[in-house]
Amino acid sequence: MVRDMTRGSITRHLVSFSIPLVLGNLFQLMYNAVDSIVVGKFGGEDALAAVGTGNPVMNIVILGITGICIGASVLMSEFFGAKDMEKLKREISTTLLLGSVFSVLIAVLGLFFSGWILKMMDVPEGIFSISVLYLRIIFLGMPFTFFYNAYAAVMRSVGDSKTPVKFLAFASVLNACLDLLFVAGFHMGVLGAGLATVIAEGVSAGLCLWYVNRNMPMLRLKRSELKVDRQMLKLTLQHGSVTALQQSCQPIGKLLIQRSINSLGITAMAVFNAVSRVDDFAFTPEQSISSGMMTFVSQNRGAKQGERMKKGLPYGLRVEAGYWVLICTAILLLKTPIMNLFVEESEAIRIGVDYLTLMAFFYLLPAFTNGIQGFFRGMGNMTITLVSTLIQISVRVVFVYLLVPSMGIPAVAWASLIGWLCMLAAEVPYYFVYMKRWDNKNSQNLKGA
């Protein structure tokens, strides 16, 4: 359903847009857990280790692709808000063609360099060959991954956040069923797990293409319209490349943090794996609300509704704070049962509970940082999102290495707090300077007119 955010209740738009994203992302997180269970139970420890080894690499690549699509979505939302359908179609065409070349290139490079990448990661010889096989299969599915994210960005740019989530949910269930068929039924191991993922990705991409062409005639592209617009290409690269770098910073930082945790031993590794899953469930809705803010701000910027556009930040931060109250309360009440789901040793449970007690309160800060980043993305200012993310993750990694040897797992929570505070210290003053410049520029334009 197309949603015009240039009129109507701001809070209702943000909540209605964000809820499907939250549900879809939470569904994806739950599916990932089920996927690991199927592979581990029916494929064995080697298969599970091989899949786990390939996932960090693929997360970085997928987040890079997602970053390009986010950058393109900002432009699409702006053109939709301005009711400029010609520019919107040119941007869609340019994004699809750019992404096609990029994703095919990634697939080819991944096919040839998977072994080298895994050698650099010191993957044990015992699982090296099956890890290479799995990674190559997943790389070959990159074009499908791009097309799903690109068409999801197209639909979200016009306010439809529900349809992409429905297709994601369907693909996730299909993936789980194919895992059971290939891995449990046909005993295909990592080959079956990789094929299941690629087939599900292809189906989700196909469903998005079918839906847009069938139900959104204003976004349907004719053959004659499939061409690269140089101006749009330049803008998409400016927005998308910076966002892709920003998206990739977090998983790289997490790999460095994981390395520090590994030095504490197996119990600490198990606890950190458990609390990291809880972190994912906490952060994902905050990021979804941020996406809603981005689309709202972009549409209103394109419609030249400056005052309404500026309201996107305070209204969005209120929604973020409301979510934080819910997640903080839930974790404080359920922290011990949550840890019991993952680990059995009393010491491991105690460490995890200490971490979650801190983070339940600290989650307010990433709610605000995500909200501010969503606003800046909607304004088309991707540079500050990259710079502030680099500050946050760099400070966080440094303090993890300084504090973990003496404090253990809770040090990660304190390091995260310090990183988010530094991020806000960069973003908040910049916001006031940036908006003052924006107001001055627009007032001059009005005088000139």
Protein backbone atom coordinates (compact mmCIF):
# COMPACT_ATOMS: atom_id res chain seq x y z
CA MET A 1 0.00 0.00 0.00
CA VAL A 2 1.39 3.38 -1.02
CA ARG A 3 1.70 5.76 1.95
CA ASP A 4 2.00 9.52 1.38
CA MET A 5 3.76 10.83 4.49
CA THR A 6 3.52 14.47 3.46
CA ARG A 7 0.16 14.76 5.20
CA GLY A 8 -1.65 13.21 8.16
CA SER A 9 -0.49 12.22 11.66
CA ILE A 10 3.31 12.07 11.91
CA THR A 11 3.33 9.59 14.80
CA ARG A 12 0.82 7.33 13.07
CA HIS A 13 2.91 7.32 9.88
CA LEU A 14 6.12 6.48 11.76
CA VAL A 15 4.56 3.72 13.85
CA SER A 16 2.55 2.20 10.97
CA PHE A 17 5.62 2.19 8.72
CA SER A 18 7.97 0.82 11.38
CA ILE A 19 5.88 -2.02 12.83
CA PRO A 20 6.03 -4.24 9.70
CA LEU A 21 9.79 -3.69 9.53
CA VAL A 22 10.18 -4.60 13.19
CA LEU A 23 8.11 -7.77 12.80
CA GLY A 24 9.91 -8.75 9.61
CA ASN A 25 13.36 -8.28 11.11
CA LEU A 26 12.44 -10.13 14.30
CA PHE A 27 11.06 -12.95 12.17
CA GLN A 28 14.34 -13.05 10.28
CA LEU A 29 16.31 -13.24 13.53
CA MET A 30 14.17 -16.13 14.76
CA TYR A 31 14.52 -17.90 11.42
CA ASN A 32 18.34 -17.56 11.58
CA ALA A 33 18.28 -19.34 14.94
CA VAL A 34 16.09 -22.14 13.54
CA ASP A 35 18.36 -22.42 10.48
CA SER A 36 21.39 -22.96 12.70
CA ILE A 37 19.53 -25.61 14.70
CA VAL A 38 18.59 -27.57 11.55
CA VAL A 39 22.12 -27.45 10.13
CA GLY A 40 23.71 -28.32 13.47
CA LYS A 41 21.33 -31.17 14.28
CA PHE A 42 21.17 -32.84 10.86
CA GLY A 43 24.38 -31.67 9.20
CA GLY A 44 26.70 -32.11 12.15
CA GLU A 45 29.17 -29.83 13.95
CA ASP A 46 31.41 -29.47 10.89
CA ALA A 47 28.53 -28.18 8.76
CA LEU A 48 27.41 -25.77 11.48
CA ALA A 49 30.95 -24.48 11.90
CA ALA A 50 31.33 -24.03 8.12
CA VAL A 51 28.08 -22.06 7.89
CA GLY A 52 29.06 -19.99 10.93
CA THR A 53 32.43 -19.22 9.38
CA GLY A 54 30.86 -17.92 6.18
CA ASN A 55 28.18 -15.80 7.84
CA PRO A 56 30.40 -12.87 8.99
CA VAL A 57 31.80 -12.52 5.46
CA MET A 58 28.34 -12.56 3.93
CA ASN A 59 26.99 -10.11 6.51
CA ILE A 60 29.58 -7.54 5.48
CA VAL A 61 28.76 -8.00 1.77
CA ILE A 62 24.99 -7.95 2.35
CA LEU A 63 25.21 -4.83 4.51
CA GLY A 64 27.21 -3.19 1.72
CA ILE A 65 24.43 -4.03 -0.75
CA THR A 66 21.83 -2.82 1.75
CA GLY A 67 23.74 0.44 2.11
CA ILE A 68 23.52 1.13 -1.62
CA CYS A 69 19.78 0.40 -1.54
CA ILE A 70 19.28 2.71 1.45
CA GLY A 71 21.05 5.52 -0.39
CA ALA A 72 18.88 4.95 -3.45
CA SER A 73 15.74 4.80 -1.28
CA VAL A 74 16.42 8.30 0.06
CA LEU A 75 16.41 9.67 -3.49
CA MET A 76 13.32 7.66 -4.44
CA SER A 77 11.42 8.93 -1.39
CA GLU A 78 12.40 12.50 -2.20
CA PHE A 79 11.15 12.21 -5.79
CA PHE A 80 7.95 10.51 -4.64
CA GLY A 81 7.34 13.29 -2.11
CA ALA A 82 7.85 15.85 -4.89
CA LYS A 83 5.40 13.85 -7.08
CA ASP A 84 8.09 13.70 -9.78
CA MET A 85 7.37 10.24 -11.21
CA GLU A 86 9.78 10.69 -14.13
CA LYS A 87 12.76 11.19 -11.84
CA LEU A 88 11.54 8.38 -9.60
CA LYS A 89 11.53 5.95 -12.53
CA ARG A 90 14.95 7.11 -13.70
CA GLU A 91 16.33 6.51 -10.21
CA ILE A 92 14.77 3.04 -10.05
CA SER A 93 16.20 2.11 -13.44
CA THR A 94 19.66 3.44 -12.59
CA THR A 95 19.71 1.62 -9.26
CA LEU A 96 18.63 -1.69 -10.79
CA LEU A 97 21.24 -1.55 -13.55
CA LEU A 98 24.01 -0.34 -11.23
CA GLY A 99 23.19 -3.02 -8.68
CA SER A 100 23.01 -5.74 -11.33
CA VAL A 101 26.58 -5.04 -12.45
CA PHE A 102 27.82 -4.67 -8.86
CA SER A 103 26.19 -7.87 -7.56
CA VAL A 104 27.34 -9.97 -10.51
CA LEU A 105 30.87 -8.64 -10.01
CA ILE A 106 30.71 -9.55 -6.31
CA ALA A 107 29.44 -13.03 -7.22
CA VAL A 108 32.29 -13.65 -9.68
CA LEU A 109 34.97 -12.31 -7.32
CA GLY A 110 33.53 -14.33 -4.46
CA LEU A 111 33.57 -17.47 -6.58
CA PHE A 112 37.31 -17.11 -7.22
CA PHE A 113 38.47 -15.65 -3.90
CA SER A 114 36.41 -17.59 -1.33
CA GLY A 115 39.35 -19.84 -0.52
CA TRP A 116 41.73 -16.92 -0.05
CA ILE A 117 39.24 -15.12 2.23
CA LEU A 118 38.83 -18.17 4.44
CA LYS A 119 42.60 -18.69 4.61
CA MET A 120 42.95 -15.12 5.88
CA MET A 121 40.40 -16.05 8.59
CA ASP A 122 42.50 -19.07 9.68
CA VAL A 123 39.68 -21.54 9.06
CA PRO A 124 40.75 -25.02 10.28
CA GLU A 125 41.75 -27.52 7.60
CA GLY A 126 39.11 -29.97 8.77
CA ILE A 127 36.25 -27.77 7.58
CA PHE A 128 38.10 -25.66 5.00
CA SER A 129 36.77 -27.38 1.86
CA ILE A 130 33.12 -27.39 2.91
CA SER A 131 33.43 -23.77 4.12
CA VAL A 132 34.70 -22.76 0.66
CA LEU A 133 31.82 -24.66 -0.98
CA TYR A 134 29.20 -22.94 1.20
CA LEU A 135 30.68 -19.46 0.71
CA ARG A 136 30.84 -19.87 -3.07
CA ILE A 137 27.19 -20.93 -3.26
CA ILE A 138 26.11 -17.95 -1.15
CA PHE A 139 28.20 -15.56 -3.27
CA LEU A 140 26.43 -16.84 -6.38
CA GLY A 141 23.13 -15.80 -4.82
CA MET A 142 24.22 -12.16 -4.46
CA PRO A 143 22.23 -10.91 -7.50
CA PHE A 144 19.04 -12.28 -5.88
CA THR A 145 19.97 -10.58 -2.60
CA PHE A 146 20.41 -7.29 -4.39
CA PHE A 147 17.16 -7.46 -6.34
CA TYR A 148 15.14 -8.20 -3.22
CA ASN A 149 16.72 -5.28 -1.33
CA ALA A 150 16.39 -2.97 -4.35
CA TYR A 151 12.70 -3.66 -4.88
CA ALA A 152 12.08 -3.53 -1.13
CA ALA A 153 13.70 -0.07 -1.19
CA VAL A 154 11.43 0.93 -4.08
CA MET A 155 8.30 -0.10 -2.19
CA ARG A 156 9.41 1.47 1.09
CA SER A 157 10.24 4.74 -0.64
CA VAL A 158 6.54 5.13 -1.50
CA GLY A 159 5.51 4.16 2.02
CA ASP A 160 4.82 0.43 1.55
CA SER A 161 6.78 -1.37 4.27
CA LYS A 162 4.34 -4.29 4.63
CA THR A 163 4.69 -6.05 1.28
CA PRO A 164 8.49 -6.61 1.36
CA VAL A 165 8.14 -8.03 4.87
CA LYS A 166 5.47 -10.49 3.71
CA PHE A 167 7.78 -11.76 0.98
CA LEU A 168 10.68 -11.94 3.43
CA ALA A 169 8.56 -14.01 5.82
CA PHE A 170 7.51 -16.36 3.02
CA ALA A 171 11.11 -16.75 1.85
CA SER A 172 12.27 -17.44 5.41
CA VAL A 173 9.72 -20.23 5.86
CA LEU A 174 10.65 -21.62 2.44
CA ASN A 175 14.31 -21.55 3.43
CA ALA A 176 13.58 -23.49 6.61
CA CYS A 177 11.54 -26.09 4.70
CA LEU A 178 14.26 -26.48 2.09
CA ASP A 179 16.85 -26.83 4.86
CA LEU A 180 14.84 -29.72 6.27
CA LEU A 181 14.47 -31.26 2.81
CA PHE A 182 18.06 -30.87 1.63
CA VAL A 183 19.98 -31.20 4.90
CA ALA A 184 17.78 -33.52 6.97
CA GLY A 185 16.11 -35.42 4.12
CA PHE A 186 18.77 -35.67 1.40
CA HIS A 187 21.79 -35.34 3.75
CA MET A 188 23.38 -32.71 1.49
CA GLY A 189 25.15 -30.86 4.33
CA VAL A 190 26.45 -27.37 3.57
CA LEU A 191 25.58 -27.80 -0.12
CA GLY A 192 21.93 -28.20 0.84
CA ALA A 193 22.06 -25.28 3.29
CA GLY A 194 23.58 -23.01 0.65
CA LEU A 195 21.13 -24.06 -2.06
CA ALA A 196 18.18 -23.52 0.31
CA THR A 197 19.33 -19.97 1.01
CA VAL A 198 19.90 -19.07 -2.65
CA ILE A 199 16.57 -20.54 -3.80
CA ALA A 200 14.70 -18.65 -1.06
CA GLU A 201 16.48 -15.42 -2.02
CA GLY A 202 15.55 -15.93 -5.67
CA VAL A 203 11.90 -16.48 -4.77
CA SER A 204 11.75 -13.34 -2.61
CA ALA A 205 13.32 -11.26 -5.41
CA GLY A 206 10.90 -12.71 -7.97
CA LEU A 207 7.89 -11.99 -5.76
CA CYS A 208 8.95 -8.36 -5.33
CA LEU A 209 9.38 -7.91 -9.09
CA TRP A 210 6.00 -9.54 -9.76
CA TYR A 211 4.20 -7.43 -7.17
CA VAL A 212 5.57 -4.09 -8.37
CA ASN A 213 4.78 -4.84 -12.01
CA ARG A 214 1.29 -6.10 -11.19
CA ASN A 215 0.12 -3.75 -8.44
CA MET A 216 2.17 -0.55 -8.77
CA PRO A 217 1.79 0.64 -12.36
CA MET A 218 3.36 4.01 -11.55
CA LEU A 219 6.63 2.17 -10.73
CA ARG A 220 6.52 -0.29 -13.62
CA LEU A 221 9.45 0.14 -16.03
CA LYS A 222 9.17 -0.30 -19.77
CA ARG A 223 12.12 -1.65 -21.75
CA SER A 224 12.75 1.81 -23.17
CA GLU A 225 13.03 3.18 -19.62
CA LEU A 226 15.72 0.71 -18.57
CA LYS A 227 18.79 2.89 -18.91
CA VAL A 228 21.37 4.56 -16.70
CA ASP A 229 20.89 8.25 -16.02
CA ARG A 230 24.33 9.77 -15.40
CA GLN A 231 23.08 12.38 -12.96
CA MET A 232 21.12 9.77 -11.01
CA LEU A 233 24.12 7.43 -11.09
CA LYS A 234 26.31 10.11 -9.53
CA LEU A 235 23.77 10.86 -6.79
CA THR A 236 23.17 7.16 -6.08
CA LEU A 237 26.89 6.48 -5.77
CA GLN A 238 27.34 9.50 -3.51
CA HIS A 239 24.55 8.39 -1.19
CA GLY A 240 24.95 4.62 -1.52
CA SER A 241 28.71 4.25 -1.26
CA VAL A 242 28.91 6.24 1.97
CA THR A 243 25.98 4.33 3.46
CA ALA A 244 27.50 1.02 2.37
CA LEU A 245 30.72 1.90 4.21
CA GLN A 246 28.74 2.97 7.26
CA GLN A 247 26.71 -0.28 7.23
CA SER A 248 29.89 -2.35 7.01
CA CYS A 249 31.61 -0.68 9.98
CA GLN A 250 29.55 -2.45 12.63
CA PRO A 251 30.22 -6.09 11.61
CA ILE A 252 33.93 -5.34 11.22
CA GLY A 253 33.95 -3.85 14.72
CA LYS A 254 32.07 -6.87 16.06
CA LEU A 255 34.70 -9.21 14.61
CA LEU A 256 37.42 -7.28 16.50
CA ILE A 257 35.37 -7.36 19.71
CA GLN A 258 34.79 -11.11 19.28
CA ARG A 259 38.53 -11.61 19.05
CA SER A 260 38.98 -9.92 22.43
CA ILE A 261 36.20 -12.03 24.00
CA ASN A 262 37.76 -15.24 22.64
CA SER A 263 40.79 -14.65 24.88
CA LEU A 264 38.56 -15.10 27.97
CA GLY A 265 37.76 -18.74 27.21
CA ILE A 266 34.84 -20.91 26.13
CA THR A 267 32.42 -19.84 28.89
CA ALA A 268 32.85 -16.17 28.02
CA MET A 269 32.43 -16.96 24.32
CA ALA A 270 29.17 -18.79 25.02
CA VAL A 271 27.85 -15.95 27.20
CA PHE A 272 28.80 -13.32 24.64
CA ASN A 273 27.10 -15.29 21.87
CA ALA A 274 23.92 -15.43 23.98
CA VAL A 275 23.81 -11.75 24.97
CA SER A 276 24.66 -10.74 21.41
CA ARG A 277 21.44 -12.44 20.27
CA VAL A 278 19.53 -10.38 22.84
CA ASP A 279 21.30 -7.24 21.59
CA ASP A 280 20.09 -8.04 18.08
CA PHE A 281 16.49 -8.23 19.25
CA ALA A 282 16.91 -4.90 21.04
CA PHE A 283 18.67 -2.98 18.26
CA THR A 284 16.64 -4.17 15.28
CA PRO A 285 13.38 -2.35 16.14
CA GLU A 286 15.37 0.83 16.81
CA GLN A 287 16.84 0.57 13.32
CA SER A 288 13.37 -0.06 11.85
CA ILE A 289 12.01 3.13 13.45
CA SER A 290 15.05 4.92 12.03
CA SER A 291 14.07 3.68 8.53
CA GLY A 292 10.60 5.09 9.04
CA MET A 293 12.09 8.47 9.97
CA MET A 294 14.31 8.38 6.89
CA THR A 295 11.37 7.80 4.55
CA PHE A 296 9.23 10.44 6.31
CA VAL A 297 11.95 13.10 6.14
CA SER A 298 12.83 12.27 2.51
CA GLN A 299 9.23 12.48 1.30
CA ASN A 300 8.60 15.79 3.05
CA ARG A 301 11.91 17.21 1.87
CA GLY A 302 10.91 16.37 -1.69
CA ALA A 303 7.48 17.97 -1.11
CA LYS A 304 9.29 21.09 0.23
CA GLN A 305 7.42 20.89 3.52
CA GLY A 306 10.33 22.08 5.64
CA GLU A 307 8.53 22.56 8.94
CA ARG A 308 6.82 19.18 8.77
CA MET A 309 10.11 17.59 7.74
CA LYS A 310 11.88 18.98 10.81
CA LYS A 311 9.22 17.48 13.08
CA GLY A 312 10.35 14.04 11.94
CA LEU A 313 13.22 14.07 14.45
CA PRO A 314 11.42 14.92 17.72
CA TYR A 315 8.44 12.74 16.83
CA GLY A 316 10.71 9.87 15.83
CA LEU A 317 12.80 10.14 18.99
CA ARG A 318 9.61 9.92 21.06
CA VAL A 319 8.72 6.67 19.30
CA GLU A 320 12.28 5.39 19.88
CA ALA A 321 12.06 6.29 23.59
CA GLY A 322 8.68 4.57 23.88
CA TYR A 323 10.16 1.38 22.44
CA TRP A 324 13.12 1.63 24.83
CA VAL A 325 10.76 1.67 27.84
CA LEU A 326 9.25 -1.60 26.60
CA ILE A 327 12.54 -3.38 25.89
CA CYS A 328 14.16 -2.15 29.11
CA THR A 329 11.24 -3.39 31.21
CA ALA A 330 11.11 -6.74 29.41
CA ILE A 331 14.83 -7.43 29.86
CA LEU A 332 14.88 -6.42 33.53
CA LEU A 333 11.98 -8.77 34.23
CA LEU A 334 13.16 -11.69 32.07
CA LYS A 335 16.98 -11.46 32.11
CA THR A 336 17.50 -14.64 34.14
CA PRO A 337 15.04 -16.83 32.17
CA ILE A 338 16.57 -15.47 28.95
CA MET A 339 20.06 -16.56 29.98
CA ASN A 340 18.72 -19.95 31.07
CA LEU A 341 17.65 -20.53 27.47
CA PHE A 342 21.24 -20.28 26.25
CA VAL A 343 23.52 -21.54 29.03
CA GLU A 344 23.27 -23.86 32.04
CA GLU A 345 26.26 -23.04 34.24
CA SER A 346 25.36 -20.72 37.15
CA GLU A 347 28.47 -18.59 36.62
CA ALA A 348 27.68 -18.09 32.94
CA ILE A 349 24.10 -17.13 33.80
CA ARG A 350 25.33 -14.62 36.40
CA ILE A 351 27.72 -12.98 33.93
CA GLY A 352 25.02 -12.72 31.28
CA VAL A 353 22.51 -11.29 33.77
CA ASP A 354 25.04 -8.63 34.87
CA TYR A 355 25.57 -7.65 31.23
CA LEU A 356 21.85 -7.48 30.41
CA THR A 357 21.10 -5.44 33.56
CA LEU A 358 23.46 -2.75 32.31
CA MET A 359 22.40 -2.90 28.70
CA ALA A 360 18.69 -2.67 29.52
CA PHE A 361 19.33 0.95 30.53
CA PHE A 362 22.02 1.63 27.94
CA TYR A 363 19.72 0.69 25.01
CA LEU A 364 18.23 4.21 25.25
CA LEU A 365 21.38 5.66 23.68
CA PRO A 366 21.36 3.62 20.43
CA ALA A 367 17.64 4.43 20.20
CA PHE A 368 18.62 8.10 19.97
CA THR A 369 21.65 7.54 17.72
CA ASN A 370 19.59 5.45 15.29
CA GLY A 371 16.86 8.10 15.26
CA ILE A 372 19.31 10.89 14.51
CA GLN A 373 20.92 8.84 11.77
CA GLY A 374 17.53 8.17 10.20
CA PHE A 375 16.86 11.92 10.14
CA PHE A 376 20.20 12.72 8.51
CA ARG A 377 19.75 9.98 5.91
CA GLY A 378 16.37 11.46 5.06
CA MET A 379 18.07 14.82 4.63
CA GLY A 380 20.51 13.23 2.20
CA ASN A 381 23.47 13.83 4.53
CA MET A 382 25.22 10.46 4.60
CA THR A 383 28.65 11.75 5.61
CA ILE A 384 27.75 12.47 9.24
CA THR A 385 26.23 8.99 9.59
CA LEU A 386 29.52 7.43 8.45
CA VAL A 387 31.71 9.68 10.60
CA SER A 388 29.64 9.22 13.76
CA THR A 389 29.47 5.44 13.26
CA LEU A 390 33.25 5.28 12.81
CA ILE A 391 33.66 7.27 16.04
CA GLN A 392 31.27 4.98 17.92
CA ILE A 393 32.69 1.65 16.78
CA SER A 394 36.33 2.79 17.08
CA VAL A 395 35.87 4.05 20.64
CA ARG A 396 33.90 0.93 21.51
CA VAL A 397 36.59 -1.44 20.22
CA VAL A 398 39.39 0.48 21.99
CA PHE A 399 37.61 0.38 25.35
CA VAL A 400 36.71 -3.29 24.92
CA TYR A 401 40.41 -4.11 24.58
CA LEU A 402 41.26 -1.88 27.54
CA LEU A 403 38.53 -3.08 29.92
CA VAL A 404 37.77 -6.72 29.04
CA PRO A 405 40.97 -8.21 30.58
CA SER A 406 40.01 -6.83 34.02
CA MET A 407 36.19 -6.65 33.87
CA GLY A 408 35.19 -9.50 31.56
CA ILE A 409 31.91 -9.46 29.57
CA PRO A 410 30.34 -6.46 31.41
CA ALA A 411 33.19 -4.38 29.98
CA VAL A 412 31.54 -4.70 26.56
CA ALA A 413 28.44 -2.95 27.93
CA TRP A 414 30.47 -0.10 29.42
CA ALA A 415 32.52 0.20 26.21
CA SER A 416 29.28 0.37 24.22
CA LEU A 417 27.99 3.13 26.50
CA ILE A 418 31.15 5.18 26.01
CA GLY A 419 30.98 4.66 22.23
CA TRP A 420 27.34 5.80 22.03
CA LEU A 421 28.05 8.86 24.20
CA CYS A 422 30.91 9.86 21.89
CA MET A 423 28.61 9.31 18.89
CA LEU A 424 25.96 11.62 20.39
CA ALA A 425 28.65 14.16 21.27
CA ALA A 426 29.45 14.33 17.55
CA GLU A 427 25.88 14.17 16.18
CA VAL A 428 23.94 16.52 18.48
CA PRO A 429 26.07 19.68 18.09
CA TYR A 430 26.37 18.97 14.38
CA TYR A 431 22.57 18.75 14.09
CA PHE A 432 22.09 22.30 15.37
CA VAL A 433 24.83 23.70 13.13
CA TYR A 434 23.50 21.79 10.12
CA MET A 435 19.89 22.87 10.60
CA LYS A 436 20.90 26.49 11.13
CA ARG A 437 22.71 26.38 7.78
CA TRP A 438 19.71 24.66 6.20
CA ASP A 439 17.32 27.34 7.51
CA ASN A 440 19.59 30.14 6.29
CA LYS A 441 19.93 28.56 2.86
CA ASN A 442 16.17 28.14 2.46
CA SER A 443 15.41 31.66 3.65
CA GLN A 444 17.84 33.01 1.04
CA ASN A 445 16.18 30.90 -1.63
CA LEU A 446 12.79 32.32 -0.68
CA LYS A 447 14.13 35.88 -0.87
CA GLY A 448 15.65 35.14 -4.27
CA ALA A 449 12.33 33.78 -5.48
